[in-house]
């Protein structure tokens, strides 16, 4: 007699399923440890985990990167002044 394999719940994260963890890690761009910490914090709902992760990704993406401005050399300043 064949037993039906239980279907996973589509909107819940099963941390015992390695393929589901791999898919979510790639989709969210986080490590397995970070995923486990977020699940422990907000629960195993995929929507809640995504909602928790997105603001963190937005904050890290909007941090300003240092801009290095090179000052012109004295010879370049003289060339620009004589050309004008």
PDB file of N, CA and C in Angstrom:
ATOM      1  N   UNK A   1       0.843  -1.167   0.000  1.00  0.00           N
ATOM      2  CA  UNK A   1       0.000   0.000   0.000  1.00  0.00           C
ATOM      3  C   UNK A   1       0.897   1.241   0.000  1.00  0.00           C
ATOM      4  N   UNK A   2       0.615   2.167  -0.887  1.00  0.00           N
ATOM      5  CA  UNK A   2       1.396   3.398  -0.966  1.00  0.00           C
ATOM      6  C   UNK A   2       0.830   4.429  -0.018  1.00  0.00           C
ATOM      7  N   UNK A   3       1.712   5.058   0.686  1.00  0.00           N
ATOM      8  CA  UNK A   3       1.296   6.148   1.563  1.00  0.00           C
ATOM      9  C   UNK A   3       1.577   7.468   0.865  1.00  0.00           C
ATOM     10  N   UNK A   4       0.627   8.339   0.938  1.00  0.00           N
ATOM     11  CA  UNK A   4       0.805   9.647   0.326  1.00  0.00           C
ATOM     12  C   UNK A   4       1.822  10.451   1.125  1.00  0.00           C
ATOM     13  N   UNK A   5       2.734  11.071   0.403  1.00  0.00           N
ATOM     14  CA  UNK A   5       3.726  11.899   1.060  1.00  0.00           C
ATOM     15  C   UNK A   5       3.073  13.235   1.418  1.00  0.00           C
ATOM     16  N   UNK A   6       3.239  13.692   2.651  1.00  0.00           N
ATOM     17  CA  UNK A   6       2.586  14.941   3.033  1.00  0.00           C
ATOM     18  C   UNK A   6       3.129  16.122   2.232  1.00  0.00           C
ATOM     19  N   UNK A   7       2.236  16.945   1.769  1.00  0.00           N
ATOM     20  CA  UNK A   7       2.612  18.123   1.004  1.00  0.00           C
ATOM     21  C   UNK A   7       3.051  19.232   1.961  1.00  0.00           C
ATOM     22  N   UNK A   8       4.125  19.935   1.623  1.00  0.00           N
ATOM     23  CA  UNK A   8       4.563  21.022   2.508  1.00  0.00           C
ATOM     24  C   UNK A   8       3.571  22.180   2.471  1.00  0.00           C
ATOM     25  N   UNK A   9       3.516  22.901   3.551  1.00  0.00           N
ATOM     26  CA  UNK A   9       2.683  24.099   3.600  1.00  0.00           C
ATOM     27  C   UNK A   9       3.443  25.185   2.865  1.00  0.00           C
ATOM     28  N   UNK A  10       2.819  25.808   1.895  1.00  0.00           N
ATOM     29  CA  UNK A  10       3.516  26.698   0.980  1.00  0.00           C
ATOM     30  C   UNK A  10       3.979  28.010   1.607  1.00  0.00           C
ATOM     31  N   UNK A  11       3.336  28.473   2.650  1.00  0.00           N
ATOM     32  CA  UNK A  11       3.707  29.774   3.199  1.00  0.00           C
ATOM     33  C   UNK A  11       4.465  29.664   4.515  1.00  0.00           C
ATOM     34  N   UNK A  12       4.946  28.473   4.836  1.00  0.00           N
ATOM     35  CA  UNK A  12       5.709  28.255   6.072  1.00  0.00           C
ATOM     36  C   UNK A  12       7.087  27.720   5.726  1.00  0.00           C
ATOM     37  N   UNK A  13       8.080  28.091   6.527  1.00  0.00           N
ATOM     38  CA  UNK A  13       9.444  27.624   6.333  1.00  0.00           C
ATOM     39  C   UNK A  13       9.663  26.385   7.191  1.00  0.00           C
ATOM     40  N   UNK A  14      10.171  25.337   6.556  1.00  0.00           N
ATOM     41  CA  UNK A  14      10.531  24.114   7.266  1.00  0.00           C
ATOM     42  C   UNK A  14      12.053  24.073   7.335  1.00  0.00           C
ATOM     43  N   UNK A  15      12.620  24.388   8.496  1.00  0.00           N
ATOM     44  CA  UNK A  15      14.069  24.431   8.643  1.00  0.00           C
ATOM     45  C   UNK A  15      14.709  23.052   8.567  1.00  0.00           C
ATOM     46  N   UNK A  16      13.904  22.000   8.551  1.00  0.00           N
ATOM     47  CA  UNK A  16      14.432  20.646   8.403  1.00  0.00           C
ATOM     48  C   UNK A  16      14.588  20.262   6.930  1.00  0.00           C
ATOM     49  N   UNK A  17      14.079  21.091   6.020  1.00  0.00           N
ATOM     50  CA  UNK A  17      14.140  20.807   4.587  1.00  0.00           C
ATOM     51  C   UNK A  17      15.304  21.586   3.962  1.00  0.00           C
ATOM     52  N   UNK A  18      16.413  20.914   3.633  1.00  0.00           N
ATOM     53  CA  UNK A  18      17.581  21.626   3.105  1.00  0.00           C
ATOM     54  C   UNK A  18      17.332  22.345   1.785  1.00  0.00           C
ATOM     55  N   UNK A  19      16.487  21.792   0.930  1.00  0.00           N
ATOM     56  CA  UNK A  19      16.229  22.450  -0.348  1.00  0.00           C
ATOM     57  C   UNK A  19      15.451  23.750  -0.144  1.00  0.00           C
ATOM     58  N   UNK A  20      14.529  23.763   0.796  1.00  0.00           N
ATOM     59  CA  UNK A  20      13.773  24.982   1.073  1.00  0.00           C
ATOM     60  C   UNK A  20      14.681  26.057   1.676  1.00  0.00           C
ATOM     61  N   UNK A  21      15.595  25.649   2.546  1.00  0.00           N
ATOM     62  CA  UNK A  21      16.541  26.600   3.130  1.00  0.00           C
ATOM     63  C   UNK A  21      17.433  27.179   2.040  1.00  0.00           C
ATOM     64  N   UNK A  22      17.932  26.331   1.143  1.00  0.00           N
ATOM     65  CA  UNK A  22      18.805  26.790   0.058  1.00  0.00           C
ATOM     66  C   UNK A  22      18.082  27.792  -0.840  1.00  0.00           C
ATOM     67  N   UNK A  23      16.842  27.490  -1.180  1.00  0.00           N
ATOM     68  CA  UNK A  23      16.064  28.372  -2.048  1.00  0.00           C
ATOM     69  C   UNK A  23      15.837  29.721  -1.374  1.00  0.00           C
ATOM     70  N   UNK A  24      15.455  29.713  -0.102  1.00  0.00           N
ATOM     71  CA  UNK A  24      15.205  30.973   0.602  1.00  0.00           C
ATOM     72  C   UNK A  24      16.483  31.776   0.812  1.00  0.00           C
ATOM     73  N   UNK A  25      17.586  31.099   1.101  1.00  0.00           N
ATOM     74  CA  UNK A  25      18.859  31.797   1.272  1.00  0.00           C
ATOM     75  C   UNK A  25      19.237  32.531  -0.005  1.00  0.00           C
ATOM     76  N   UNK A  26      19.094  31.882  -1.137  1.00  0.00           N
ATOM     77  CA  UNK A  26      19.432  32.515  -2.419  1.00  0.00           C
ATOM     78  C   UNK A  26      18.472  33.659  -2.728  1.00  0.00           C
ATOM     79  N   UNK A  27      17.202  33.444  -2.475  1.00  0.00           N
ATOM     80  CA  UNK A  27      16.190  34.462  -2.779  1.00  0.00           C
ATOM     81  C   UNK A  27      16.373  35.711  -1.934  1.00  0.00           C
ATOM     82  N   UNK A  28      16.711  35.508  -0.645  1.00  0.00           N
ATOM     83  CA  UNK A  28      16.841  36.634   0.264  1.00  0.00           C
ATOM     84  C   UNK A  28      18.272  37.166   0.353  1.00  0.00           C
ATOM     85  N   UNK A  29      19.230  36.393  -0.103  1.00  0.00           N
ATOM     86  CA  UNK A  29      20.619  36.816  -0.062  1.00  0.00           C
ATOM     87  C   UNK A  29      21.200  36.841   1.343  1.00  0.00           C
ATOM     88  N   UNK A  30      20.871  35.836   2.148  1.00  0.00           N
ATOM     89  CA  UNK A  30      21.359  35.773   3.527  1.00  0.00           C
ATOM     90  C   UNK A  30      21.974  34.408   3.789  1.00  0.00           C
ATOM     91  N   UNK A  31      22.695  34.281   4.898  1.00  0.00           N
ATOM     92  CA  UNK A  31      23.302  33.003   5.255  1.00  0.00           C
ATOM     93  C   UNK A  31      22.282  32.118   5.974  1.00  0.00           C
ATOM     94  N   UNK A  32      22.632  30.859   6.140  1.00  0.00           N
ATOM     95  CA  UNK A  32      21.738  29.920   6.820  1.00  0.00           C
ATOM     96  C   UNK A  32      21.568  30.312   8.286  1.00  0.00           C
ATOM     97  N   UNK A  33      22.640  30.774   8.912  1.00  0.00           N
ATOM     98  CA  UNK A  33      22.554  31.220  10.311  1.00  0.00           C
ATOM     99  C   UNK A  33      21.644  32.422  10.467  1.00  0.00           C
ATOM    100  N   UNK A  34      21.743  33.381   9.524  1.00  0.00           N
ATOM    101  CA  UNK A  34      20.868  34.552   9.564  1.00  0.00           C
ATOM    102  C   UNK A  34      19.411  34.143   9.383  1.00  0.00           C
ATOM    103  N   UNK A  35      19.168  33.190   8.486  1.00  0.00           N
ATOM    104  CA  UNK A  35      17.801  32.714   8.265  1.00  0.00           C
ATOM    105  C   UNK A  35      17.246  32.082   9.533  1.00  0.00           C
ATOM    106  N   UNK A  36      18.050  31.277  10.211  1.00  0.00           N
ATOM    107  CA  UNK A  36      17.588  30.643  11.444  1.00  0.00           C
ATOM    108  C   UNK A  36      17.311  31.686  12.533  1.00  0.00           C
ATOM    109  N   UNK A  37      18.154  32.712  12.629  1.00  0.00           N
ATOM    110  CA  UNK A  37      17.935  33.765  13.632  1.00  0.00           C
ATOM    111  C   UNK A  37      16.645  34.537  13.351  1.00  0.00           C
ATOM    112  N   UNK A  38      16.387  34.836  12.082  1.00  0.00           N
ATOM    113  CA  UNK A  38      15.167  35.578  11.732  1.00  0.00           C
ATOM    114  C   UNK A  38      13.935  34.721  11.996  1.00  0.00           C
ATOM    115  N   UNK A  39      14.008  33.424  11.666  1.00  0.00           N
ATOM    116  CA  UNK A  39      12.873  32.529  11.925  1.00  0.00           C
ATOM    117  C   UNK A  39      12.617  32.434  13.425  1.00  0.00           C
ATOM    118  N   UNK A  40      13.672  32.381  14.223  1.00  0.00           N
ATOM    119  CA  UNK A  40      13.500  32.336  15.674  1.00  0.00           C
ATOM    120  C   UNK A  40      12.878  33.628  16.191  1.00  0.00           C
ATOM    121  N   UNK A  41      13.159  34.743  15.524  1.00  0.00           N
ATOM    122  CA  UNK A  41      12.652  36.046  15.969  1.00  0.00           C
ATOM    123  C   UNK A  41      11.196  36.281  15.558  1.00  0.00           C
ATOM    124  N   UNK A  42      10.875  36.037  14.260  1.00  0.00           N
ATOM    125  CA  UNK A  42       9.550  36.406  13.751  1.00  0.00           C
ATOM    126  C   UNK A  42       8.632  35.221  13.477  1.00  0.00           C
ATOM    127  N   UNK A  43       9.147  34.007  13.515  1.00  0.00           N
ATOM    128  CA  UNK A  43       8.314  32.843  13.232  1.00  0.00           C
ATOM    129  C   UNK A  43       8.645  32.249  11.876  1.00  0.00           C
ATOM    130  N   UNK A  44       7.935  31.196  11.507  1.00  0.00           N
ATOM    131  CA  UNK A  44       8.274  30.470  10.288  1.00  0.00           C
ATOM    132  C   UNK A  44       7.439  30.870   9.070  1.00  0.00           C
ATOM    133  N   UNK A  45       6.789  32.000   9.111  1.00  0.00           N
ATOM    134  CA  UNK A  45       6.045  32.490   7.962  1.00  0.00           C
ATOM    135  C   UNK A  45       7.016  33.128   6.967  1.00  0.00           C
ATOM    136  N   UNK A  46       6.932  32.711   5.702  1.00  0.00           N
ATOM    137  CA  UNK A  46       7.819  33.250   4.678  1.00  0.00           C
ATOM    138  C   UNK A  46       7.593  34.747   4.519  1.00  0.00           C
ATOM    139  N   UNK A  47       6.349  35.192   4.576  1.00  0.00           N
ATOM    140  CA  UNK A  47       6.049  36.615   4.439  1.00  0.00           C
ATOM    141  C   UNK A  47       6.671  37.424   5.577  1.00  0.00           C
ATOM    142  N   UNK A  48       6.587  36.916   6.809  1.00  0.00           N
ATOM    143  CA  UNK A  48       7.159  37.629   7.950  1.00  0.00           C
ATOM    144  C   UNK A  48       8.675  37.692   7.851  1.00  0.00           C
ATOM    145  N   UNK A  49       9.302  36.613   7.390  1.00  0.00           N
ATOM    146  CA  UNK A  49      10.762  36.599   7.239  1.00  0.00           C
ATOM    147  C   UNK A  49      11.180  37.585   6.155  1.00  0.00           C
ATOM    148  N   UNK A  50      10.471  37.593   5.028  1.00  0.00           N
ATOM    149  CA  UNK A  50      10.793  38.539   3.951  1.00  0.00           C
ATOM    150  C   UNK A  50      10.625  39.978   4.417  1.00  0.00           C
ATOM    151  N   UNK A  51       9.568  40.237   5.172  1.00  0.00           N
ATOM    152  CA  UNK A  51       9.316  41.580   5.677  1.00  0.00           C
ATOM    153  C   UNK A  51      10.412  42.008   6.646  1.00  0.00           C
ATOM    154  N   UNK A  52      10.932  41.082   7.413  1.00  0.00           N
ATOM    155  CA  UNK A  52      12.003  41.385   8.369  1.00  0.00           C
ATOM    156  C   UNK A  52      13.333  41.618   7.653  1.00  0.00           C
ATOM    157  N   UNK A  53      13.601  40.876   6.593  1.00  0.00           N
ATOM    158  CA  UNK A  53      14.879  40.959   5.885  1.00  0.00           C
ATOM    159  C   UNK A  53      14.951  42.186   4.985  1.00  0.00           C
ATOM    160  N   UNK A  54      13.900  42.537   4.290  1.00  0.00           N
ATOM    161  CA  UNK A  54      13.932  43.619   3.303  1.00  0.00           C
ATOM    162  C   UNK A  54      14.401  44.959   3.868  1.00  0.00           C
ATOM    163  N   UNK A  55      13.918  45.424   5.039  1.00  0.00           N
ATOM    164  CA  UNK A  55      14.431  46.709   5.552  1.00  0.00           C
ATOM    165  C   UNK A  55      15.925  46.650   5.853  1.00  0.00           C
ATOM    166  N   UNK A  56      16.430  45.517   6.298  1.00  0.00           N
ATOM    167  CA  UNK A  56      17.858  45.386   6.584  1.00  0.00           C
ATOM    168  C   UNK A  56      18.660  45.483   5.291  1.00  0.00           C
ATOM    169  N   UNK A  57      18.161  44.884   4.220  1.00  0.00           N
ATOM    170  CA  UNK A  57      18.859  44.959   2.948  1.00  0.00           C
ATOM    171  C   UNK A  57      18.810  46.379   2.396  1.00  0.00           C
ATOM    172  N   UNK A  58      17.685  47.080   2.604  1.00  0.00           N
ATOM    173  CA  UNK A  58      17.567  48.449   2.106  1.00  0.00           C
ATOM    174  C   UNK A  58      18.512  49.380   2.850  1.00  0.00           C
ATOM    175  N   UNK A  59      18.669  49.179   4.140  1.00  0.00           N
ATOM    176  CA  UNK A  59      19.566  50.027   4.919  1.00  0.00           C
ATOM    177  C   UNK A  59      21.001  49.820   4.453  1.00  0.00           C
ATOM    178  N   UNK A  60      21.420  48.583   4.264  1.00  0.00           N
ATOM    179  CA  UNK A  60      22.797  48.333   3.844  1.00  0.00           C
ATOM    180  C   UNK A  60      23.027  48.809   2.415  1.00  0.00           C
ATOM    181  N   UNK A  61      22.003  48.826   1.588  1.00  0.00           N
ATOM    182  CA  UNK A  61      22.162  49.268   0.205  1.00  0.00           C
ATOM    183  C   UNK A  61      22.225  50.787   0.107  1.00  0.00           C
ATOM    184  N   UNK A  62      21.638  51.512   1.054  1.00  0.00           N
ATOM    185  CA  UNK A  62      21.623  52.965   0.966  1.00  0.00           C
ATOM    186  C   UNK A  62      22.737  53.635   1.755  1.00  0.00           C
ATOM    187  N   UNK A  63      23.605  52.847   2.396  1.00  0.00           N
ATOM    188  CA  UNK A  63      24.722  53.453   3.103  1.00  0.00           C
ATOM    189  C   UNK A  63      25.637  54.114   2.084  1.00  0.00           C
ATOM    190  N   UNK A  64      26.037  55.346   2.349  1.00  0.00           N
ATOM    191  CA  UNK A  64      26.882  56.038   1.375  1.00  0.00           C
ATOM    192  C   UNK A  64      28.263  55.411   1.297  1.00  0.00           C
ATOM    193  N   UNK A  65      28.762  55.338   0.088  1.00  0.00           N
ATOM    194  CA  UNK A  65      30.111  54.841  -0.101  1.00  0.00           C
ATOM    195  C   UNK A  65      31.046  56.037  -0.134  1.00  0.00           C
ATOM    196  N   UNK A  66      32.218  55.904   0.453  1.00  0.00           N
ATOM    197  CA  UNK A  66      33.126  57.043   0.467  1.00  0.00           C
ATOM    198  C   UNK A  66      33.582  57.392  -0.943  1.00  0.00           C
ATOM    199  N   UNK A  67      33.542  58.661  -1.256  1.00  0.00           N
ATOM    200  CA  UNK A  67      33.959  59.144  -2.560  1.00  0.00           C
ATOM    201  C   UNK A  67      35.311  59.807  -2.396  1.00  0.00           C
ATOM    202  N   UNK A  68      36.253  59.408  -3.224  1.00  0.00           N
ATOM    203  CA  UNK A  68      37.587  59.969  -3.139  1.00  0.00           C
ATOM    204  C   UNK A  68      37.753  60.958  -4.281  1.00  0.00           C
ATOM    205  N   UNK A  69      37.952  62.212  -3.927  1.00  0.00           N
ATOM    206  CA  UNK A  69      38.114  63.270  -4.924  1.00  0.00           C
ATOM    207  C   UNK A  69      39.597  63.581  -5.021  1.00  0.00           C
ATOM    208  N   UNK A  70      40.091  63.471  -6.224  1.00  0.00           N
ATOM    209  CA  UNK A  70      41.505  63.765  -6.431  1.00  0.00           C
ATOM    210  C   UNK A  70      41.653  65.253  -6.731  1.00  0.00           C
ATOM    211  N   UNK A  71      42.563  65.890  -6.035  1.00  0.00           N
ATOM    212  CA  UNK A  71      42.816  67.298  -6.317  1.00  0.00           C
ATOM    213  C   UNK A  71      43.718  67.379  -7.538  1.00  0.00           C
ATOM    214  N   UNK A  72      43.490  68.365  -8.378  1.00  0.00           N
ATOM    215  CA  UNK A  72      44.324  68.481  -9.582  1.00  0.00           C
ATOM    216  C   UNK A  72      45.762  68.835  -9.212  1.00  0.00           C
ATOM    217  N   UNK A  73      46.675  68.328  -9.997  1.00  0.00           N
ATOM    218  CA  UNK A  73      48.083  68.641  -9.763  1.00  0.00           C
ATOM    219  C   UNK A  73      48.335  70.090 -10.159  1.00  0.00           C
ATOM    220  N   UNK A  74      49.378  70.703  -9.639  1.00  0.00           N
ATOM    221  CA  UNK A  74      49.664  72.100  -9.969  1.00  0.00           C
ATOM    222  C   UNK A  74      49.854  72.323 -11.463  1.00  0.00           C
ATOM    223  N   UNK A  75      50.404  71.341 -12.185  1.00  0.00           N
ATOM    224  CA  UNK A  75      50.591  71.523 -13.620  1.00  0.00           C
ATOM    225  C   UNK A  75      49.249  71.537 -14.348  1.00  0.00           C
ATOM    226  N   UNK A  76      48.262  70.743 -13.875  1.00  0.00           N
ATOM    227  CA  UNK A  76      46.933  70.747 -14.488  1.00  0.00           C
ATOM    228  C   UNK A  76      46.216  72.054 -14.245  1.00  0.00           C
ATOM    229  N   UNK A  77      46.410  72.653 -13.056  1.00  0.00           N
ATOM    230  CA  UNK A  77      45.776  73.935 -12.750  1.00  0.00           C
ATOM    231  C   UNK A  77      46.341  75.010 -13.647  1.00  0.00           C
ATOM    232  N   UNK A  78      47.635  74.990 -13.884  1.00  0.00           N
ATOM    233  CA  UNK A  78      48.261  75.983 -14.756  1.00  0.00           C
ATOM    234  C   UNK A  78      47.800  75.843 -16.186  1.00  0.00           C
ATOM    235  N   UNK A  79      47.617  74.594 -16.658  1.00  0.00           N
ATOM    236  CA  UNK A  79      47.157  74.346 -18.030  1.00  0.00           C
ATOM    237  C   UNK A  79      45.728  74.846 -18.175  1.00  0.00           C
ATOM    238  N   UNK A  80      44.877  74.582 -17.168  1.00  0.00           N
ATOM    239  CA  UNK A  80      43.481  75.017 -17.233  1.00  0.00           C
ATOM    240  C   UNK A  80      43.400  76.538 -17.214  1.00  0.00           C
ATOM    241  N   UNK A  81      44.261  77.199 -16.440  1.00  0.00           N
ATOM    242  CA  UNK A  81      44.219  78.665 -16.345  1.00  0.00           C
ATOM    243  C   UNK A  81      44.728  79.294 -17.636  1.00  0.00           C
ATOM    244  N   UNK A  82      45.736  78.722 -18.275  1.00  0.00           N
ATOM    245  CA  UNK A  82      46.273  79.320 -19.492  1.00  0.00           C
ATOM    246  C   UNK A  82      45.358  79.055 -20.684  1.00  0.00           C
ATOM    247  N   UNK A  83      44.560  77.966 -20.636  1.00  0.00           N
ATOM    248  CA  UNK A  83      43.654  77.635 -21.723  1.00  0.00           C
ATOM    249  C   UNK A  83      42.440  78.550 -21.709  1.00  0.00           C
ATOM    250  N   UNK A  84      42.093  79.112 -20.571  1.00  0.00           N
ATOM    251  CA  UNK A  84      40.898  79.946 -20.463  1.00  0.00           C
ATOM    252  C   UNK A  84      41.098  81.330 -20.918  1.00  0.00           C
TER     253      UNK A  84
END
